[in-house]
Amino acid sequence: MTTPHTVAVLGLGRMGTAIATRLADHGWDVVGWTRSGRTAGTIETVGDPNDAVAKADLVLLALFDGQACQQVVNHVRDSLRTDTIVLNTSTIAPAEASGLARQLGPSYVHAPVLGSVPAAAAGTLQILAAADHDALDRVRPILEALGTVQRVDDAATAAALKLVANNSLAGAVLALRDSLRQADALGLPRAQVLDVLELGQLGGLVARKRPFLTNQAPATTATAEFTIGALAKDMALLAAASNTPLRSAADLADIPADPEADIAVAATVPVEGDAVLEPLRAYLRGHATGDPAHFRDAFLPTAHIEGVRDGAFVSWRLDEYCALFHGRPAPDEPTRSRRIDAIDVHGTVAAATMTLWHGADTFTDIFLLIQVDDTWRIANKAYHRHS
């Protein structure tokens, strides 16, 4: 079997970008695509995933969830060559992994990864790979450039093992958070507490996150390696697959009324990160309730909301945007969902990306935020509507 030479990476979030960069640095021709239109440094990117797939011997999926994987596969299915391998590194439900394996047959490799962005960049991921022997042999050089490969019997098992691993990570994050809260309540010095915690069962997590926990990470690197929203999603998938109650997304988010919110905690982002989420939470509440008062809490009075609506560019002032909402939820609100994808903080300014699934439409919202008098507000929003 011939090893793939050209790799299409579909999904250029933190992990997708790290994987794409690692493969490019090790000699593969890499082309990338992402739904948000985000570029990835020196990686060639295209606006249509079919253009990426048409060039590729291997298509690597690095997407947020099973819904995204299925949507992207459906979109590019006709562009896949008969000899193209689809390698899925995404964290999805066991049933979703089985469905993709049935749909794509022996050309599908399900390979969720254990490890975060630094591990992908260093090629030290732990990879759970389930595939036909021939397909796995073809992609093994690529997988081994990313980390250590452990073969698993089938796609559902690989997906389930990844969820169990992430559940243990969630427990460690929550234990670290609770330990730091108790230590703060006792007035203990943060550095001394971390020294002691690093000696115990949380030592590895504390060692990796110490710069964030002490707010000493350089501004250029002070971004999350993973998000609590993603971890909460994985826990919900595991609970559904195992039919076993687990700690809920709300336990992680610490906001029971808003379990879908992507809440930053000390173990994942710099300590100031929680404050920057407040206007984004207000924005989420505005959509969930239809109450424009939440948008007024979220945005600066001078904010503009801009995008393309019905083929024409629109730029609403805040009052005009609020007038679109009438104080009640949308009729299909129970079926809608929203997710904060990423937040990058640079001193007193920040950028955030959010995905909203509203009926047949998916929106990508990109926010510019600013800190004024110790309070964060949204200065502007631009959006893209996918129908």
Protein backbone atom coordinates (compact mmCIF):
# COMPACT_ATOMS: atom_id res chain seq x y z
CA MET A 1 0.00 0.00 0.00
CA THR A 2 1.18 3.52 -0.84
CA THR A 3 1.65 6.01 1.99
CA PRO A 4 -0.36 9.22 1.41
CA HIS A 5 1.67 12.19 0.20
CA THR A 6 -0.98 14.95 0.32
CA VAL A 7 -3.06 15.45 3.46
CA ALA A 8 -6.22 17.55 3.71
CA VAL A 9 -6.84 18.67 7.31
CA LEU A 10 -10.49 19.62 7.76
CA GLY A 11 -10.79 21.63 10.96
CA LEU A 12 -8.13 24.19 11.89
CA GLY A 13 -8.85 24.83 15.53
CA ARG A 14 -6.04 24.52 18.04
CA MET A 15 -5.51 20.80 17.55
CA GLY A 16 -6.13 20.80 13.81
CA THR A 17 -3.61 23.57 13.30
CA ALA A 18 -1.03 21.84 15.49
CA ILE A 19 -1.51 18.55 13.61
CA ALA A 20 -1.38 20.22 10.19
CA THR A 21 1.78 22.13 11.11
CA ARG A 22 3.47 19.02 12.49
CA LEU A 23 2.75 17.04 9.30
CA ALA A 24 3.90 19.89 7.04
CA ASP A 25 7.11 20.22 9.03
CA HIS A 26 7.74 16.50 8.48
CA GLY A 27 7.46 16.60 4.72
CA TRP A 28 3.83 16.04 3.84
CA ASP A 29 1.98 18.34 1.49
CA VAL A 30 -0.81 19.74 3.66
CA VAL A 31 -3.87 21.74 2.66
CA GLY A 32 -6.37 22.89 5.26
CA TRP A 33 -9.96 24.03 5.56
CA THR A 34 -12.09 25.25 8.44
CA ARG A 35 -15.71 26.29 8.73
CA SER A 36 -14.73 29.57 10.40
CA GLY A 37 -12.44 30.58 7.54
CA ARG A 38 -9.51 30.75 10.00
CA THR A 39 -6.04 30.47 8.45
CA ALA A 40 -3.28 28.38 10.00
CA GLY A 41 0.09 30.07 9.69
CA THR A 42 2.04 28.69 6.77
CA ILE A 43 -0.49 25.96 5.95
CA GLU A 44 -2.21 26.40 2.59
CA THR A 45 -5.94 26.87 3.15
CA VAL A 46 -8.92 26.75 0.81
CA GLY A 47 -12.43 28.12 1.08
CA ASP A 48 -14.24 24.93 0.03
CA PRO A 49 -13.47 21.58 1.68
CA ASN A 50 -14.07 19.84 -1.65
CA ASP A 51 -11.06 21.68 -3.06
CA ALA A 52 -8.93 20.34 -0.22
CA VAL A 53 -10.27 16.79 -0.53
CA ALA A 54 -9.81 16.69 -4.31
CA LYS A 55 -6.04 17.15 -3.82
CA ALA A 56 -5.63 14.67 -1.01
CA ASP A 57 -4.56 11.05 -0.60
CA LEU A 58 -5.66 11.32 3.03
CA VAL A 59 -8.39 13.43 4.63
CA LEU A 60 -7.83 14.11 8.33
CA LEU A 61 -10.80 15.30 10.38
CA ALA A 62 -10.04 17.46 13.44
CA LEU A 63 -13.54 18.68 14.28
CA PHE A 64 -15.41 19.50 17.48
CA ASP A 65 -18.08 16.81 17.55
CA GLY A 66 -19.88 14.06 15.69
CA GLN A 67 -22.41 16.39 14.14
CA ALA A 68 -19.62 18.41 12.54
CA CYS A 69 -17.90 15.23 11.32
CA GLN A 70 -21.06 13.93 9.68
CA GLN A 71 -21.87 17.28 8.07
CA VAL A 72 -18.38 17.63 6.63
CA VAL A 73 -18.24 14.02 5.40
CA ASN A 74 -21.62 14.44 3.70
CA HIS A 75 -20.39 17.63 2.06
CA VAL A 76 -17.17 16.14 0.63
CA ARG A 77 -18.29 12.55 0.00
CA ASP A 78 -18.53 12.96 -3.77
CA SER A 79 -15.02 14.48 -3.91
CA LEU A 80 -13.34 11.53 -2.18
CA ARG A 81 -11.30 9.37 -4.53
CA THR A 82 -11.75 5.62 -4.22
CA ASP A 83 -8.27 5.25 -2.75
CA THR A 84 -8.53 8.18 -0.28
CA ILE A 85 -8.28 7.36 3.43
CA VAL A 86 -10.41 9.31 5.93
CA LEU A 87 -8.58 9.60 9.26
CA ASN A 88 -10.76 10.96 12.05
CA THR A 89 -8.98 12.32 15.13
CA SER A 90 -12.13 13.98 16.53
CA THR A 91 -13.69 13.09 19.88
CA ILE A 92 -17.20 11.78 19.14
CA ALA A 93 -19.72 9.29 20.51
CA PRO A 94 -19.15 5.55 19.96
CA ALA A 95 -22.33 5.27 17.90
CA GLU A 96 -21.24 8.19 15.73
CA ALA A 97 -17.85 6.55 15.14
CA SER A 98 -19.54 3.28 14.19
CA GLY A 99 -21.84 5.12 11.80
CA LEU A 100 -18.95 6.79 10.00
CA ALA A 101 -17.09 3.46 9.82
CA ARG A 102 -20.12 1.82 8.19
CA GLN A 103 -20.61 4.75 5.84
CA LEU A 104 -16.99 4.95 4.65
CA GLY A 105 -16.03 1.29 4.90
CA PRO A 106 -12.41 0.06 4.85
CA SER A 107 -11.09 3.51 3.90
CA TYR A 108 -12.05 4.88 7.36
CA VAL A 109 -9.58 5.09 10.26
CA HIS A 110 -10.96 6.20 13.60
CA ALA A 111 -8.05 7.55 15.63
CA PRO A 112 -8.92 9.83 18.57
CA VAL A 113 -5.88 11.25 20.33
CA LEU A 114 -4.88 11.64 23.95
CA GLY A 115 -2.97 14.85 24.57
CA SER A 116 -3.35 18.54 23.87
CA VAL A 117 -1.77 21.10 21.56
CA PRO A 118 1.82 20.89 22.91
CA ALA A 119 1.77 17.09 22.52
CA ALA A 120 0.56 17.40 18.92
CA ALA A 121 3.29 19.92 18.16
CA ALA A 122 5.94 17.69 19.73
CA GLY A 123 4.67 14.46 18.18
CA THR A 124 3.96 12.86 21.56
CA LEU A 125 0.22 12.22 21.27
CA GLN A 126 -1.15 8.83 22.32
CA ILE A 127 -3.35 7.63 19.44
CA LEU A 128 -6.14 5.02 19.67
CA ALA A 129 -6.43 3.72 16.11
CA ALA A 130 -9.18 1.44 14.80
CA ALA A 131 -9.10 0.46 11.13
CA ASP A 132 -8.77 -2.21 8.51
CA HIS A 133 -5.17 -3.54 8.51
CA ASP A 134 -4.39 -2.18 5.05
CA ALA A 135 -5.74 1.28 5.87
CA LEU A 136 -3.86 1.39 9.15
CA ASP A 137 -0.62 0.37 7.44
CA ARG A 138 -1.06 3.20 4.93
CA VAL A 139 -1.57 5.89 7.56
CA ARG A 140 0.86 4.54 10.17
CA PRO A 141 3.76 6.84 9.09
CA ILE A 142 1.48 9.85 9.52
CA LEU A 143 0.19 8.66 12.89
CA GLU A 144 3.71 7.92 14.10
CA ALA A 145 4.76 11.46 13.15
CA LEU A 146 2.09 12.64 15.58
CA GLY A 147 2.73 10.20 18.43
CA THR A 148 2.48 6.61 19.62
CA VAL A 149 -0.11 4.34 18.03
CA GLN A 150 -2.17 1.85 20.01
CA ARG A 151 -4.37 -0.37 17.84
CA VAL A 152 -7.97 -0.83 19.00
CA ASP A 153 -10.43 -3.42 17.72
CA ASP A 154 -13.12 -1.12 16.32
CA ALA A 155 -14.17 2.51 15.94
CA ALA A 156 -16.76 2.42 18.73
CA THR A 157 -14.22 1.07 21.22
CA ALA A 158 -11.66 3.72 20.27
CA ALA A 159 -14.27 6.46 20.70
CA ALA A 160 -15.43 5.07 24.05
CA LEU A 161 -11.88 4.78 25.39
CA LYS A 162 -11.22 8.41 24.48
CA LEU A 163 -14.33 9.54 26.36
CA VAL A 164 -13.34 7.55 29.45
CA ALA A 165 -9.88 9.14 29.35
CA ASN A 166 -11.36 12.61 29.09
CA ASN A 167 -13.71 11.90 31.97
CA SER A 168 -10.68 11.26 34.18
CA LEU A 169 -9.24 14.58 32.99
CA ALA A 170 -12.48 16.34 33.92
CA GLY A 171 -12.27 14.91 37.41
CA ALA A 172 -8.70 16.14 37.78
CA VAL A 173 -9.64 19.64 36.56
CA LEU A 174 -12.51 19.85 39.03
CA ALA A 175 -10.34 18.52 41.88
CA LEU A 176 -7.66 21.12 41.10
CA ARG A 177 -10.23 23.90 40.94
CA ASP A 178 -11.75 22.90 44.28
CA SER A 179 -8.33 22.59 45.94
CA LEU A 180 -7.34 26.07 44.80
CA ARG A 181 -10.63 27.56 45.99
CA GLN A 182 -10.18 26.02 49.44
CA ALA A 183 -6.58 27.21 49.58
CA ASP A 184 -7.62 30.74 48.62
CA ALA A 185 -10.30 30.68 51.33
CA LEU A 186 -7.61 29.72 53.87
CA GLY A 187 -5.38 32.54 52.69
CA LEU A 188 -2.57 30.23 51.59
CA PRO A 189 0.03 31.54 49.12
CA ARG A 190 -0.72 30.25 45.63
CA ALA A 191 2.90 29.29 44.85
CA GLN A 192 3.22 27.26 48.05
CA VAL A 193 -0.08 25.48 47.39
CA LEU A 194 1.03 24.56 43.89
CA ASP A 195 4.35 23.25 45.21
CA VAL A 196 2.49 20.86 47.49
CA LEU A 197 -0.15 19.84 44.94
CA GLU A 198 2.61 19.08 42.45
CA LEU A 199 3.89 16.41 44.85
CA GLY A 200 0.56 14.55 44.79
CA GLN A 201 -1.84 12.90 42.37
CA LEU A 202 -2.51 16.18 40.54
CA GLY A 203 1.19 16.79 40.03
CA GLY A 204 1.27 16.38 36.25
CA LEU A 205 -1.67 18.71 35.68
CA VAL A 206 -0.29 21.31 38.09
CA ALA A 207 3.15 21.21 36.45
CA ARG A 208 1.69 21.76 32.98
CA LYS A 209 -0.65 24.54 34.09
CA ARG A 210 1.48 26.37 36.62
CA PRO A 211 2.15 29.42 34.37
CA PHE A 212 -1.61 29.83 33.91
CA LEU A 213 -2.43 29.17 37.54
CA THR A 214 -0.02 31.89 38.61
CA ASN A 215 -0.93 34.22 35.72
CA GLN A 216 2.68 34.12 34.48
CA ALA A 217 2.12 32.73 30.98
CA PRO A 218 3.44 35.13 28.30
CA ALA A 219 0.70 37.11 26.60
CA THR A 220 1.58 35.49 23.29
CA THR A 221 0.97 31.99 24.66
CA ALA A 222 -1.75 32.57 27.24
CA THR A 223 -4.50 30.65 25.47
CA ALA A 224 -6.26 27.48 26.46
CA GLU A 225 -4.91 24.15 25.28
CA PHE A 226 -8.38 22.72 25.74
CA THR A 227 -11.71 24.24 26.73
CA ILE A 228 -14.17 23.34 29.45
CA GLY A 229 -16.93 23.44 26.82
CA ALA A 230 -15.22 20.62 24.91
CA LEU A 231 -14.66 18.65 28.10
CA ALA A 232 -18.30 19.08 29.14
CA LYS A 233 -19.38 17.90 25.69
CA ASP A 234 -17.27 14.76 26.05
CA MET A 235 -18.72 14.01 29.49
CA ALA A 236 -22.24 14.36 28.13
CA LEU A 237 -21.39 11.94 25.30
CA LEU A 238 -20.02 9.43 27.79
CA ALA A 239 -23.08 9.69 30.02
CA ALA A 240 -25.37 9.10 27.06
CA ALA A 241 -23.31 6.17 25.73
CA SER A 242 -22.96 4.43 29.11
CA ASN A 243 -26.40 5.38 30.45
CA THR A 244 -24.58 6.27 33.66
CA PRO A 245 -25.00 9.61 35.47
CA LEU A 246 -21.75 11.55 35.50
CA ARG A 247 -20.80 15.00 36.67
CA SER A 248 -22.76 17.29 34.45
CA ALA A 249 -21.54 19.99 32.12
CA ALA A 250 -23.02 22.41 34.64
CA ASP A 251 -20.63 21.09 37.31
CA LEU A 252 -17.76 22.01 35.04
CA ALA A 253 -19.29 25.29 33.97
CA ASP A 254 -20.27 26.19 37.54
CA ILE A 255 -23.43 27.78 36.10
CA PRO A 256 -26.32 25.30 36.37
CA ALA A 257 -28.65 27.47 34.31
CA ASP A 258 -26.29 27.53 31.34
CA PRO A 259 -24.65 24.11 30.88
CA GLU A 260 -23.65 24.86 27.27
CA ALA A 261 -21.50 27.83 28.24
CA ASP A 262 -17.77 27.46 27.71
CA ILE A 263 -16.59 28.50 31.16
CA ALA A 264 -12.91 29.13 31.73
CA VAL A 265 -11.45 27.82 35.00
CA ALA A 266 -8.01 28.28 36.46
CA ALA A 267 -6.77 24.95 35.14
CA THR A 268 -7.24 25.85 31.49
CA VAL A 269 -6.77 29.59 30.94
CA PRO A 270 -5.16 32.53 32.72
CA VAL A 271 -6.89 33.59 35.90
CA GLU A 272 -8.37 36.70 34.34
CA GLY A 273 -10.13 34.52 31.76
CA ASP A 274 -13.37 34.11 33.70
CA ALA A 275 -14.19 37.84 33.58
CA VAL A 276 -13.90 38.03 29.80
CA LEU A 277 -16.62 35.37 29.54
CA GLU A 278 -19.26 37.51 31.27
CA PRO A 279 -20.37 39.47 28.16
CA LEU A 280 -20.37 36.25 26.15
CA ARG A 281 -22.62 34.59 28.74
CA ALA A 282 -24.95 37.59 28.55
CA TYR A 283 -25.00 37.24 24.77
CA LEU A 284 -25.92 33.55 25.12
CA ARG A 285 -28.73 34.46 27.53
CA GLY A 286 -30.03 37.03 25.05
CA HIS A 287 -30.42 34.40 22.35
CA ALA A 288 -31.87 31.83 24.74
CA THR A 289 -34.52 34.20 26.13
CA GLY A 290 -35.04 36.69 23.32
CA ASP A 291 -34.66 39.48 25.91
CA PRO A 292 -32.64 42.36 24.40
CA ALA A 293 -31.62 43.54 27.87
CA HIS A 294 -29.01 40.78 27.89
CA PHE A 295 -27.49 42.13 24.68
CA ARG A 296 -27.27 45.59 26.23
CA ASP A 297 -25.34 44.01 29.11
CA ALA A 298 -23.04 42.22 26.66
CA PHE A 299 -22.19 45.00 24.18
CA LEU A 300 -20.75 48.48 24.49
CA PRO A 301 -23.35 51.11 23.54
CA THR A 302 -21.20 52.01 20.53
CA ALA A 303 -21.01 48.42 19.24
CA HIS A 304 -21.89 47.38 15.70
CA ILE A 305 -23.09 43.96 14.57
CA GLU A 306 -22.11 43.24 10.99
CA GLY A 307 -22.50 40.50 8.40
CA VAL A 308 -24.20 39.52 5.18
CA ARG A 309 -27.98 39.10 5.40
CA ASP A 310 -30.03 38.00 2.37
CA GLY A 311 -27.06 38.71 0.13
CA ALA A 312 -26.49 42.27 1.37
CA PHE A 313 -24.01 43.65 3.89
CA VAL A 314 -25.65 44.92 7.08
CA SER A 315 -24.19 46.97 9.92
CA TRP A 316 -26.57 47.37 12.84
CA ARG A 317 -26.09 49.75 15.72
CA LEU A 318 -26.87 48.14 19.07
CA ASP A 319 -30.37 49.66 19.25
CA GLU A 320 -31.17 48.30 15.79
CA TYR A 321 -29.89 44.86 16.70
CA CYS A 322 -31.86 44.78 19.96
CA ALA A 323 -35.01 45.70 18.03
CA LEU A 324 -34.79 42.30 16.29
CA PHE A 325 -35.62 40.58 19.59
CA HIS A 326 -39.04 40.71 21.26
CA GLY A 327 -38.57 39.38 24.77
CA ARG A 328 -39.45 35.73 24.18
CA PRO A 329 -37.52 32.66 23.05
CA ALA A 330 -37.66 31.47 19.46
CA PRO A 331 -40.36 28.82 18.89
CA ASP A 332 -37.67 26.18 18.23
CA GLU A 333 -35.41 27.26 21.11
CA PRO A 334 -35.42 23.75 22.72
CA THR A 335 -33.69 22.39 19.59
CA ARG A 336 -31.12 25.20 19.30
CA SER A 337 -27.59 25.04 20.69
CA ARG A 338 -24.63 27.37 21.02
CA ARG A 339 -20.96 26.95 21.84
CA ILE A 340 -18.04 29.23 22.63
CA ASP A 341 -15.22 27.86 20.49
CA ALA A 342 -12.18 29.95 21.42
CA ILE A 343 -11.07 32.98 23.41
CA ASP A 344 -7.72 34.70 22.97
CA VAL A 345 -6.86 37.40 25.52
CA HIS A 346 -4.16 40.01 24.88
CA GLY A 347 -4.01 42.40 27.80
CA THR A 348 -7.11 44.61 27.66
CA VAL A 349 -8.42 43.26 24.35
CA ALA A 350 -9.68 39.82 23.38
CA ALA A 351 -11.10 37.95 20.41
CA ALA A 352 -13.69 35.18 20.70
CA THR A 353 -15.42 32.82 18.29
CA MET A 354 -18.81 31.22 18.83
CA THR A 355 -20.93 28.73 16.87
CA LEU A 356 -24.74 28.88 16.98
CA TRP A 357 -26.98 26.14 15.59
CA HIS A 358 -30.35 27.79 14.96
CA GLY A 359 -32.68 25.49 13.07
CA ALA A 360 -31.47 24.95 9.52
CA ASP A 361 -28.85 27.71 9.89
CA THR A 362 -25.44 27.63 11.53
CA PHE A 363 -23.82 30.93 12.49
CA THR A 364 -20.17 31.66 13.19
CA ASP A 365 -19.91 34.77 15.39
CA ILE A 366 -16.58 36.52 15.84
CA PHE A 367 -16.30 39.06 18.68
CA LEU A 368 -13.87 41.82 19.54
CA LEU A 369 -13.93 42.51 23.28
CA ILE A 370 -12.32 45.25 25.35
CA GLN A 371 -11.74 45.72 29.06
CA VAL A 372 -12.89 49.08 30.37
CA ASP A 373 -12.69 49.90 34.11
CA ASP A 374 -12.11 46.21 34.95
CA THR A 375 -15.23 45.17 33.04
CA TRP A 376 -15.23 43.32 29.73
CA ARG A 377 -17.72 44.24 27.00
CA ILE A 378 -18.17 43.28 23.35
CA ALA A 379 -17.00 46.14 21.13
CA ASN A 380 -18.08 44.63 17.81
CA LYS A 381 -19.44 41.42 16.34
CA ALA A 382 -19.16 40.04 12.81
CA TYR A 383 -20.98 36.91 11.75
CA HIS A 384 -21.21 34.40 8.92
CA ARG A 385 -24.37 32.45 8.21
CA HIS A 386 -24.14 28.89 6.88
CA SER A 387 -27.42 27.59 5.45
